[in-house]
Amino acid sequence: MFSKQELIDALEKCNNSSAPGPDKLTWSHIKFVDIANLCIGLGHWPSHFKTSNMIVIPKPNKSTYDSPKSYQLIVLLNMIGKLFEKIIEE
């Protein structure tokens, strides 16, 4: 089970200016120790925590955009899932 202090410690390491993922939550919204403990206790990781959005950005100054190498991909994951993974890592 996670303690409130583990959540606080993980939140302190997070960048508050991170772009939100598909769940539209930012680090400052996350205060869900009970959800994390239930997930661990039940041995269930909801698929919602694994959902992501991919943003495709054209790289500047390319002569042609016919190749996949001409684009930068950014993946935005749900913030709750990212936070709980940070706690589990430690």
PDB file of N, CA and C in Angstrom:
ATOM      1  N   MET A   1       0.830  -1.187   0.000  1.00  0.00           N
ATOM      2  CA  MET A   1       0.000   0.000   0.000  1.00  0.00           C
ATOM      3  C   MET A   1       0.877   1.254   0.000  1.00  0.00           C
ATOM      4  N   PHE A   2       0.379   2.310  -0.605  1.00  0.00           N
ATOM      5  CA  PHE A   2       1.092   3.586  -0.633  1.00  0.00           C
ATOM      6  C   PHE A   2       0.734   4.409   0.595  1.00  0.00           C
ATOM      7  N   SER A   3       1.696   5.159   1.069  1.00  0.00           N
ATOM      8  CA  SER A   3       1.414   6.105   2.142  1.00  0.00           C
ATOM      9  C   SER A   3       1.190   7.485   1.530  1.00  0.00           C
ATOM     10  N   LYS A   4       0.583   8.342   2.296  1.00  0.00           N
ATOM     11  CA  LYS A   4       0.395   9.718   1.818  1.00  0.00           C
ATOM     12  C   LYS A   4       1.738  10.395   1.592  1.00  0.00           C
ATOM     13  N   GLN A   5       2.720  10.054   2.431  1.00  0.00           N
ATOM     14  CA  GLN A   5       4.045  10.660   2.287  1.00  0.00           C
ATOM     15  C   GLN A   5       4.708  10.238   0.984  1.00  0.00           C
ATOM     16  N   GLU A   6       4.527   8.975   0.570  1.00  0.00           N
ATOM     17  CA  GLU A   6       5.088   8.533  -0.715  1.00  0.00           C
ATOM     18  C   GLU A   6       4.474   9.321  -1.865  1.00  0.00           C
ATOM     19  N   LEU A   7       3.184   9.569  -1.801  1.00  0.00           N
ATOM     20  CA  LEU A   7       2.518  10.365  -2.842  1.00  0.00           C
ATOM     21  C   LEU A   7       3.044  11.794  -2.828  1.00  0.00           C
ATOM     22  N   ILE A   8       3.151  12.370  -1.667  1.00  0.00           N
ATOM     23  CA  ILE A   8       3.669  13.743  -1.557  1.00  0.00           C
ATOM     24  C   ILE A   8       5.094  13.819  -2.114  1.00  0.00           C
ATOM     25  N   ASP A   9       5.932  12.848  -1.754  1.00  0.00           N
ATOM     26  CA  ASP A   9       7.319  12.828  -2.240  1.00  0.00           C
ATOM     27  C   ASP A   9       7.357  12.720  -3.764  1.00  0.00           C
ATOM     28  N   ALA A  10       6.511  11.852  -4.341  1.00  0.00           N
ATOM     29  CA  ALA A  10       6.480  11.696  -5.805  1.00  0.00           C
ATOM     30  C   ALA A  10       5.981  12.973  -6.468  1.00  0.00           C
ATOM     31  N   LEU A  11       4.966  13.618  -5.888  1.00  0.00           N
ATOM     32  CA  LEU A  11       4.426  14.860  -6.460  1.00  0.00           C
ATOM     33  C   LEU A  11       5.459  15.980  -6.443  1.00  0.00           C
ATOM     34  N   GLU A  12       6.275  16.016  -5.399  1.00  0.00           N
ATOM     35  CA  GLU A  12       7.293  17.067  -5.309  1.00  0.00           C
ATOM     36  C   GLU A  12       8.320  16.954  -6.426  1.00  0.00           C
ATOM     37  N   LYS A  13       8.516  15.756  -6.959  1.00  0.00           N
ATOM     38  CA  LYS A  13       9.480  15.534  -8.037  1.00  0.00           C
ATOM     39  C   LYS A  13       8.893  15.810  -9.410  1.00  0.00           C
ATOM     40  N   CYS A  14       7.596  16.050  -9.475  1.00  0.00           N
ATOM     41  CA  CYS A  14       6.919  16.239 -10.762  1.00  0.00           C
ATOM     42  C   CYS A  14       6.950  17.705 -11.191  1.00  0.00           C
ATOM     43  N   ASN A  15       7.065  17.915 -12.484  1.00  0.00           N
ATOM     44  CA  ASN A  15       7.077  19.250 -13.060  1.00  0.00           C
ATOM     45  C   ASN A  15       5.638  19.725 -13.252  1.00  0.00           C
ATOM     46  N   ASN A  16       5.236  20.776 -12.543  1.00  0.00           N
ATOM     47  CA  ASN A  16       3.860  21.275 -12.623  1.00  0.00           C
ATOM     48  C   ASN A  16       3.510  21.867 -13.976  1.00  0.00           C
ATOM     49  N   SER A  17       4.496  22.115 -14.818  1.00  0.00           N
ATOM     50  CA  SER A  17       4.198  22.698 -16.131  1.00  0.00           C
ATOM     51  C   SER A  17       4.074  21.628 -17.214  1.00  0.00           C
ATOM     52  N   SER A  18       4.071  20.339 -16.824  1.00  0.00           N
ATOM     53  CA  SER A  18       3.899  19.261 -17.802  1.00  0.00           C
ATOM     54  C   SER A  18       2.543  19.374 -18.482  1.00  0.00           C
ATOM     55  N   ALA A  19       2.526  19.048 -19.762  1.00  0.00           N
ATOM     56  CA  ALA A  19       1.262  19.057 -20.505  1.00  0.00           C
ATOM     57  C   ALA A  19       0.385  17.901 -20.029  1.00  0.00           C
ATOM     58  N   PRO A  20      -0.917  18.132 -19.871  1.00  0.00           N
ATOM     59  CA  PRO A  20      -1.797  17.045 -19.441  1.00  0.00           C
ATOM     60  C   PRO A  20      -2.004  16.026 -20.549  1.00  0.00           C
ATOM     61  N   GLY A  21      -2.317  14.803 -20.162  1.00  0.00           N
ATOM     62  CA  GLY A  21      -2.620  13.736 -21.108  1.00  0.00           C
ATOM     63  C   GLY A  21      -4.106  13.729 -21.439  1.00  0.00           C
ATOM     64  N   PRO A  22      -4.607  12.607 -21.965  1.00  0.00           N
ATOM     65  CA  PRO A  22      -6.000  12.541 -22.380  1.00  0.00           C
ATOM     66  C   PRO A  22      -6.996  12.722 -21.238  1.00  0.00           C
ATOM     67  N   ASP A  23      -6.572  12.494 -20.002  1.00  0.00           N
ATOM     68  CA  ASP A  23      -7.481  12.670 -18.868  1.00  0.00           C
ATOM     69  C   ASP A  23      -7.597  14.134 -18.436  1.00  0.00           C
ATOM     70  N   LYS A  24      -6.798  15.015 -19.040  1.00  0.00           N
ATOM     71  CA  LYS A  24      -6.824  16.468 -18.790  1.00  0.00           C
ATOM     72  C   LYS A  24      -6.412  16.859 -17.371  1.00  0.00           C
ATOM     73  N   LEU A  25      -5.741  15.943 -16.674  1.00  0.00           N
ATOM     74  CA  LEU A  25      -5.274  16.245 -15.321  1.00  0.00           C
ATOM     75  C   LEU A  25      -3.823  16.695 -15.353  1.00  0.00           C
ATOM     76  N   THR A  26      -3.483  17.593 -14.460  1.00  0.00           N
ATOM     77  CA  THR A  26      -2.098  18.008 -14.285  1.00  0.00           C
ATOM     78  C   THR A  26      -1.635  17.491 -12.928  1.00  0.00           C
ATOM     79  N   TRP A  27      -0.330  17.583 -12.664  1.00  0.00           N
ATOM     80  CA  TRP A  27       0.188  17.082 -11.395  1.00  0.00           C
ATOM     81  C   TRP A  27      -0.502  17.737 -10.207  1.00  0.00           C
ATOM     82  N   SER A  28      -0.845  18.996 -10.331  1.00  0.00           N
ATOM     83  CA  SER A  28      -1.462  19.692  -9.198  1.00  0.00           C
ATOM     84  C   SER A  28      -2.858  19.160  -8.873  1.00  0.00           C
ATOM     85  N   HIS A  29      -3.482  18.399  -9.785  1.00  0.00           N
ATOM     86  CA  HIS A  29      -4.801  17.819  -9.527  1.00  0.00           C
ATOM     87  C   HIS A  29      -4.744  16.479  -8.785  1.00  0.00           C
ATOM     88  N   ILE A  30      -3.577  15.891  -8.748  1.00  0.00           N
ATOM     89  CA  ILE A  30      -3.472  14.520  -8.262  1.00  0.00           C
ATOM     90  C   ILE A  30      -3.344  14.485  -6.736  1.00  0.00           C
ATOM     91  N   LYS A  31      -4.336  13.906  -6.088  1.00  0.00           N
ATOM     92  CA  LYS A  31      -4.310  13.741  -4.630  1.00  0.00           C
ATOM     93  C   LYS A  31      -5.071  12.464  -4.273  1.00  0.00           C
ATOM     94  N   PHE A  32      -4.773  11.372  -4.951  1.00  0.00           N
ATOM     95  CA  PHE A  32      -5.608  10.182  -4.868  1.00  0.00           C
ATOM     96  C   PHE A  32      -4.875   8.973  -4.287  1.00  0.00           C
ATOM     97  N   VAL A  33      -4.426   9.052  -3.062  1.00  0.00           N
ATOM     98  CA  VAL A  33      -3.723   7.933  -2.427  1.00  0.00           C
ATOM     99  C   VAL A  33      -4.643   6.715  -2.333  1.00  0.00           C
ATOM    100  N   ASP A  34      -5.913   6.942  -2.012  1.00  0.00           N
ATOM    101  CA  ASP A  34      -6.842   5.822  -1.848  1.00  0.00           C
ATOM    102  C   ASP A  34      -7.024   5.045  -3.150  1.00  0.00           C
ATOM    103  N   ILE A  35      -7.058   5.742  -4.280  1.00  0.00           N
ATOM    104  CA  ILE A  35      -7.195   5.059  -5.561  1.00  0.00           C
ATOM    105  C   ILE A  35      -5.985   4.160  -5.794  1.00  0.00           C
ATOM    106  N   ALA A  36      -4.803   4.669  -5.528  1.00  0.00           N
ATOM    107  CA  ALA A  36      -3.583   3.882  -5.723  1.00  0.00           C
ATOM    108  C   ALA A  36      -3.603   2.644  -4.832  1.00  0.00           C
ATOM    109  N   ASN A  37      -3.971   2.823  -3.591  1.00  0.00           N
ATOM    110  CA  ASN A  37      -3.995   1.689  -2.672  1.00  0.00           C
ATOM    111  C   ASN A  37      -5.029   0.648  -3.087  1.00  0.00           C
ATOM    112  N   LEU A  38      -6.178   1.084  -3.588  1.00  0.00           N
ATOM    113  CA  LEU A  38      -7.181   0.136  -4.072  1.00  0.00           C
ATOM    114  C   LEU A  38      -6.667  -0.643  -5.278  1.00  0.00           C
ATOM    115  N   CYS A  39      -6.020   0.039  -6.190  1.00  0.00           N
ATOM    116  CA  CYS A  39      -5.474  -0.641  -7.376  1.00  0.00           C
ATOM    117  C   CYS A  39      -4.470  -1.711  -6.968  1.00  0.00           C
ATOM    118  N   ILE A  40      -3.574  -1.370  -6.061  1.00  0.00           N
ATOM    119  CA  ILE A  40      -2.580  -2.325  -5.598  1.00  0.00           C
ATOM    120  C   ILE A  40      -3.254  -3.456  -4.820  1.00  0.00           C
ATOM    121  N   GLY A  41      -4.171  -3.094  -3.928  1.00  0.00           N
ATOM    122  CA  GLY A  41      -4.868  -4.092  -3.117  1.00  0.00           C
ATOM    123  C   GLY A  41      -5.675  -5.078  -3.951  1.00  0.00           C
ATOM    124  N   LEU A  42      -6.313  -4.592  -5.007  1.00  0.00           N
ATOM    125  CA  LEU A  42      -7.117  -5.457  -5.879  1.00  0.00           C
ATOM    126  C   LEU A  42      -6.280  -6.155  -6.945  1.00  0.00           C
ATOM    127  N   GLY A  43      -5.046  -5.698  -7.115  1.00  0.00           N
ATOM    128  CA  GLY A  43      -4.205  -6.261  -8.167  1.00  0.00           C
ATOM    129  C   GLY A  43      -4.729  -5.916  -9.549  1.00  0.00           C
ATOM    130  N   HIS A  44      -5.346  -4.753  -9.670  1.00  0.00           N
ATOM    131  CA  HIS A  44      -5.952  -4.330 -10.948  1.00  0.00           C
ATOM    132  C   HIS A  44      -5.423  -2.959 -11.339  1.00  0.00           C
ATOM    133  N   TRP A  45      -4.955  -2.840 -12.576  1.00  0.00           N
ATOM    134  CA  TRP A  45      -4.484  -1.559 -13.108  1.00  0.00           C
ATOM    135  C   TRP A  45      -5.446  -1.151 -14.213  1.00  0.00           C
ATOM    136  N   PRO A  46      -6.354  -0.196 -13.964  1.00  0.00           N
ATOM    137  CA  PRO A  46      -7.371   0.170 -14.962  1.00  0.00           C
ATOM    138  C   PRO A  46      -6.765   0.580 -16.304  1.00  0.00           C
ATOM    139  N   SER A  47      -7.413   0.172 -17.372  1.00  0.00           N
ATOM    140  CA  SER A  47      -6.917   0.493 -18.710  1.00  0.00           C
ATOM    141  C   SER A  47      -6.898   2.009 -18.940  1.00  0.00           C
ATOM    142  N   HIS A  48      -7.750   2.738 -18.234  1.00  0.00           N
ATOM    143  CA  HIS A  48      -7.771   4.205 -18.353  1.00  0.00           C
ATOM    144  C   HIS A  48      -6.404   4.801 -18.005  1.00  0.00           C
ATOM    145  N   PHE A  49      -5.687   4.190 -17.058  1.00  0.00           N
ATOM    146  CA  PHE A  49      -4.375   4.689 -16.666  1.00  0.00           C
ATOM    147  C   PHE A  49      -3.345   4.480 -17.766  1.00  0.00           C
ATOM    148  N   LYS A  50      -3.617   3.574 -18.695  1.00  0.00           N
ATOM    149  CA  LYS A  50      -2.675   3.243 -19.763  1.00  0.00           C
ATOM    150  C   LYS A  50      -2.986   3.973 -21.065  1.00  0.00           C
ATOM    151  N   THR A  51      -4.071   4.738 -21.094  1.00  0.00           N
ATOM    152  CA  THR A  51      -4.478   5.447 -22.304  1.00  0.00           C
ATOM    153  C   THR A  51      -3.518   6.598 -22.592  1.00  0.00           C
ATOM    154  N   SER A  52      -3.261   6.842 -23.876  1.00  0.00           N
ATOM    155  CA  SER A  52      -2.376   7.939 -24.252  1.00  0.00           C
ATOM    156  C   SER A  52      -2.877   8.618 -25.525  1.00  0.00           C
ATOM    157  N   ASN A  53      -2.405   9.814 -25.738  1.00  0.00           N
ATOM    158  CA  ASN A  53      -2.626  10.550 -26.982  1.00  0.00           C
ATOM    159  C   ASN A  53      -1.261  10.784 -27.617  1.00  0.00           C
ATOM    160  N   MET A  54      -1.207  10.688 -28.938  1.00  0.00           N
ATOM    161  CA  MET A  54       0.039  10.972 -29.636  1.00  0.00           C
ATOM    162  C   MET A  54      -0.155  12.235 -30.464  1.00  0.00           C
ATOM    163  N   ILE A  55       0.798  13.131 -30.331  1.00  0.00           N
ATOM    164  CA  ILE A  55       0.796  14.379 -31.082  1.00  0.00           C
ATOM    165  C   ILE A  55       1.921  14.275 -32.116  1.00  0.00           C
ATOM    166  N   VAL A  56       1.624  14.597 -33.357  1.00  0.00           N
ATOM    167  CA  VAL A  56       2.620  14.562 -34.429  1.00  0.00           C
ATOM    168  C   VAL A  56       2.958  16.004 -34.798  1.00  0.00           C
ATOM    169  N   ILE A  57       4.233  16.352 -34.684  1.00  0.00           N
ATOM    170  CA  ILE A  57       4.677  17.716 -34.954  1.00  0.00           C
ATOM    171  C   ILE A  57       5.698  17.679 -36.086  1.00  0.00           C
ATOM    172  N   PRO A  58       5.472  18.442 -37.156  1.00  0.00           N
ATOM    173  CA  PRO A  58       6.469  18.497 -38.233  1.00  0.00           C
ATOM    174  C   PRO A  58       7.758  19.160 -37.734  1.00  0.00           C
ATOM    175  N   LYS A  59       8.898  18.567 -38.050  1.00  0.00           N
ATOM    176  CA  LYS A  59      10.175  19.171 -37.690  1.00  0.00           C
ATOM    177  C   LYS A  59      10.410  20.379 -38.593  1.00  0.00           C
ATOM    178  N   PRO A  60      10.964  21.445 -38.045  1.00  0.00           N
ATOM    179  CA  PRO A  60      11.179  22.656 -38.845  1.00  0.00           C
ATOM    180  C   PRO A  60      12.286  22.481 -39.890  1.00  0.00           C
ATOM    181  N   ASN A  61      12.195  23.257 -40.913  1.00  0.00           N
ATOM    182  CA  ASN A  61      13.236  23.378 -41.946  1.00  0.00           C
ATOM    183  C   ASN A  61      13.532  22.084 -42.708  1.00  0.00           C
ATOM    184  N   LYS A  62      12.527  21.260 -42.896  1.00  0.00           N
ATOM    185  CA  LYS A  62      12.696  20.054 -43.720  1.00  0.00           C
ATOM    186  C   LYS A  62      12.313  20.399 -45.151  1.00  0.00           C
ATOM    187  N   SER A  63      13.083  19.899 -46.107  1.00  0.00           N
ATOM    188  CA  SER A  63      12.790  20.206 -47.514  1.00  0.00           C
ATOM    189  C   SER A  63      11.527  19.485 -47.994  1.00  0.00           C
ATOM    190  N   THR A  64      11.264  18.327 -47.400  1.00  0.00           N
ATOM    191  CA  THR A  64      10.061  17.576 -47.753  1.00  0.00           C
ATOM    192  C   THR A  64       9.538  16.863 -46.506  1.00  0.00           C
ATOM    193  N   TYR A  65       8.265  16.619 -46.482  1.00  0.00           N
ATOM    194  CA  TYR A  65       7.649  15.938 -45.354  1.00  0.00           C
ATOM    195  C   TYR A  65       7.077  14.591 -45.789  1.00  0.00           C
ATOM    196  N   ASP A  66       7.779  13.939 -46.726  1.00  0.00           N
ATOM    197  CA  ASP A  66       7.353  12.641 -47.242  1.00  0.00           C
ATOM    198  C   ASP A  66       7.808  11.481 -46.350  1.00  0.00           C
ATOM    199  N   SER A  67       8.751  11.727 -45.461  1.00  0.00           N
ATOM    200  CA  SER A  67       9.338  10.670 -44.643  1.00  0.00           C
ATOM    201  C   SER A  67       8.891  10.810 -43.181  1.00  0.00           C
ATOM    202  N   PRO A  68       8.685   9.691 -42.496  1.00  0.00           N
ATOM    203  CA  PRO A  68       8.354   9.757 -41.066  1.00  0.00           C
ATOM    204  C   PRO A  68       9.433  10.455 -40.238  1.00  0.00           C
ATOM    205  N   LYS A  69      10.683  10.463 -40.717  1.00  0.00           N
ATOM    206  CA  LYS A  69      11.771  11.130 -39.996  1.00  0.00           C
ATOM    207  C   LYS A  69      11.607  12.649 -39.977  1.00  0.00           C
ATOM    208  N   SER A  70      10.660  13.151 -40.746  1.00  0.00           N
ATOM    209  CA  SER A  70      10.417  14.590 -40.802  1.00  0.00           C
ATOM    210  C   SER A  70       9.479  15.061 -39.691  1.00  0.00           C
ATOM    211  N   TYR A  71       9.085  14.150 -38.828  1.00  0.00           N
ATOM    212  CA  TYR A  71       8.112  14.473 -37.787  1.00  0.00           C
ATOM    213  C   TYR A  71       8.624  14.052 -36.414  1.00  0.00           C
ATOM    214  N   GLN A  72       8.208  14.793 -35.397  1.00  0.00           N
ATOM    215  CA  GLN A  72       8.495  14.483 -33.998  1.00  0.00           C
ATOM    216  C   GLN A  72       7.206  13.979 -33.367  1.00  0.00           C
ATOM    217  N   LEU A  73       7.282  12.857 -32.654  1.00  0.00           N
ATOM    218  CA  LEU A  73       6.113  12.309 -31.980  1.00  0.00           C
ATOM    219  C   LEU A  73       6.204  12.591 -30.490  1.00  0.00           C
ATOM    220  N   ILE A  74       5.107  13.035 -29.910  1.00  0.00           N
ATOM    221  CA  ILE A  74       5.033  13.257 -28.470  1.00  0.00           C
ATOM    222  C   ILE A  74       3.857  12.445 -27.955  1.00  0.00           C
ATOM    223  N   VAL A  75       4.101  11.630 -26.920  1.00  0.00           N
ATOM    224  CA  VAL A  75       3.050  10.803 -26.338  1.00  0.00           C
ATOM    225  C   VAL A  75       2.676  11.387 -24.983  1.00  0.00           C
ATOM    226  N   LEU A  76       1.390  11.655 -24.791  1.00  0.00           N
ATOM    227  CA  LEU A  76       0.872  12.185 -23.533  1.00  0.00           C
ATOM    228  C   LEU A  76       0.095  11.073 -22.834  1.00  0.00           C
ATOM    229  N   LEU A  77       0.585  10.653 -21.669  1.00  0.00           N
ATOM    230  CA  LEU A  77      -0.060   9.604 -20.884  1.00  0.00           C
ATOM    231  C   LEU A  77      -0.953  10.223 -19.810  1.00  0.00           C
ATOM    232  N   ASN A  78      -1.907   9.436 -19.315  1.00  0.00           N
ATOM    233  CA  ASN A  78      -2.752   9.907 -18.219  1.00  0.00           C
ATOM    234  C   ASN A  78      -1.902  10.175 -16.982  1.00  0.00           C
ATOM    235  N   MET A  79      -2.173  11.281 -16.320  1.00  0.00           N
ATOM    236  CA  MET A  79      -1.354  11.719 -15.193  1.00  0.00           C
ATOM    237  C   MET A  79      -1.467  10.790 -13.991  1.00  0.00           C
ATOM    238  N   ILE A  80      -2.637  10.235 -13.720  1.00  0.00           N
ATOM    239  CA  ILE A  80      -2.778   9.340 -12.571  1.00  0.00           C
ATOM    240  C   ILE A  80      -1.885   8.119 -12.757  1.00  0.00           C
ATOM    241  N   GLY A  81      -1.933   7.532 -13.935  1.00  0.00           N
ATOM    242  CA  GLY A  81      -1.096   6.370 -14.216  1.00  0.00           C
ATOM    243  C   GLY A  81       0.383   6.685 -14.091  1.00  0.00           C
ATOM    244  N   LYS A  82       0.798   7.849 -14.612  1.00  0.00           N
ATOM    245  CA  LYS A  82       2.211   8.233 -14.526  1.00  0.00           C
ATOM    246  C   LYS A  82       2.646   8.417 -13.073  1.00  0.00           C
ATOM    247  N   LEU A  83       1.798   9.036 -12.272  1.00  0.00           N
ATOM    248  CA  LEU A  83       2.137   9.262 -10.874  1.00  0.00           C
ATOM    249  C   LEU A  83       2.264   7.942 -10.118  1.00  0.00           C
ATOM    250  N   PHE A  84       1.295   7.048 -10.305  1.00  0.00           N
ATOM    251  CA  PHE A  84       1.343   5.777  -9.585  1.00  0.00           C
ATOM    252  C   PHE A  84       2.558   4.959 -10.016  1.00  0.00           C
ATOM    253  N   GLU A  85       2.931   5.024 -11.291  1.00  0.00           N
ATOM    254  CA  GLU A  85       4.131   4.330 -11.754  1.00  0.00           C
ATOM    255  C   GLU A  85       5.385   4.896 -11.092  1.00  0.00           C
ATOM    256  N   LYS A  86       5.429   6.210 -10.882  1.00  0.00           N
ATOM    257  CA  LYS A  86       6.575   6.826 -10.198  1.00  0.00           C
ATOM    258  C   LYS A  86       6.694   6.309  -8.758  1.00  0.00           C
ATOM    259  N   ILE A  87       5.554   6.154  -8.099  1.00  0.00           N
ATOM    260  CA  ILE A  87       5.575   5.651  -6.719  1.00  0.00           C
ATOM    261  C   ILE A  87       6.042   4.198  -6.705  1.00  0.00           C
ATOM    262  N   ILE A  88       5.534   3.388  -7.630  1.00  0.00           N
ATOM    263  CA  ILE A  88       5.900   1.975  -7.677  1.00  0.00           C
ATOM    264  C   ILE A  88       7.390   1.815  -7.973  1.00  0.00           C
ATOM    265  N   GLU A  89       7.947   2.674  -8.847  1.00  0.00           N
ATOM    266  CA  GLU A  89       9.372   2.607  -9.180  1.00  0.00           C
ATOM    267  C   GLU A  89      10.248   2.729  -7.939  1.00  0.00           C
ATOM    268  N   GLU A  90       9.798   3.518  -6.990  1.00  0.00           N
ATOM    269  CA  GLU A  90      10.611   3.752  -5.792  1.00  0.00           C
ATOM    270  C   GLU A  90      10.274   2.693  -4.795  1.00  0.00           C
TER     271      GLU A  90
END
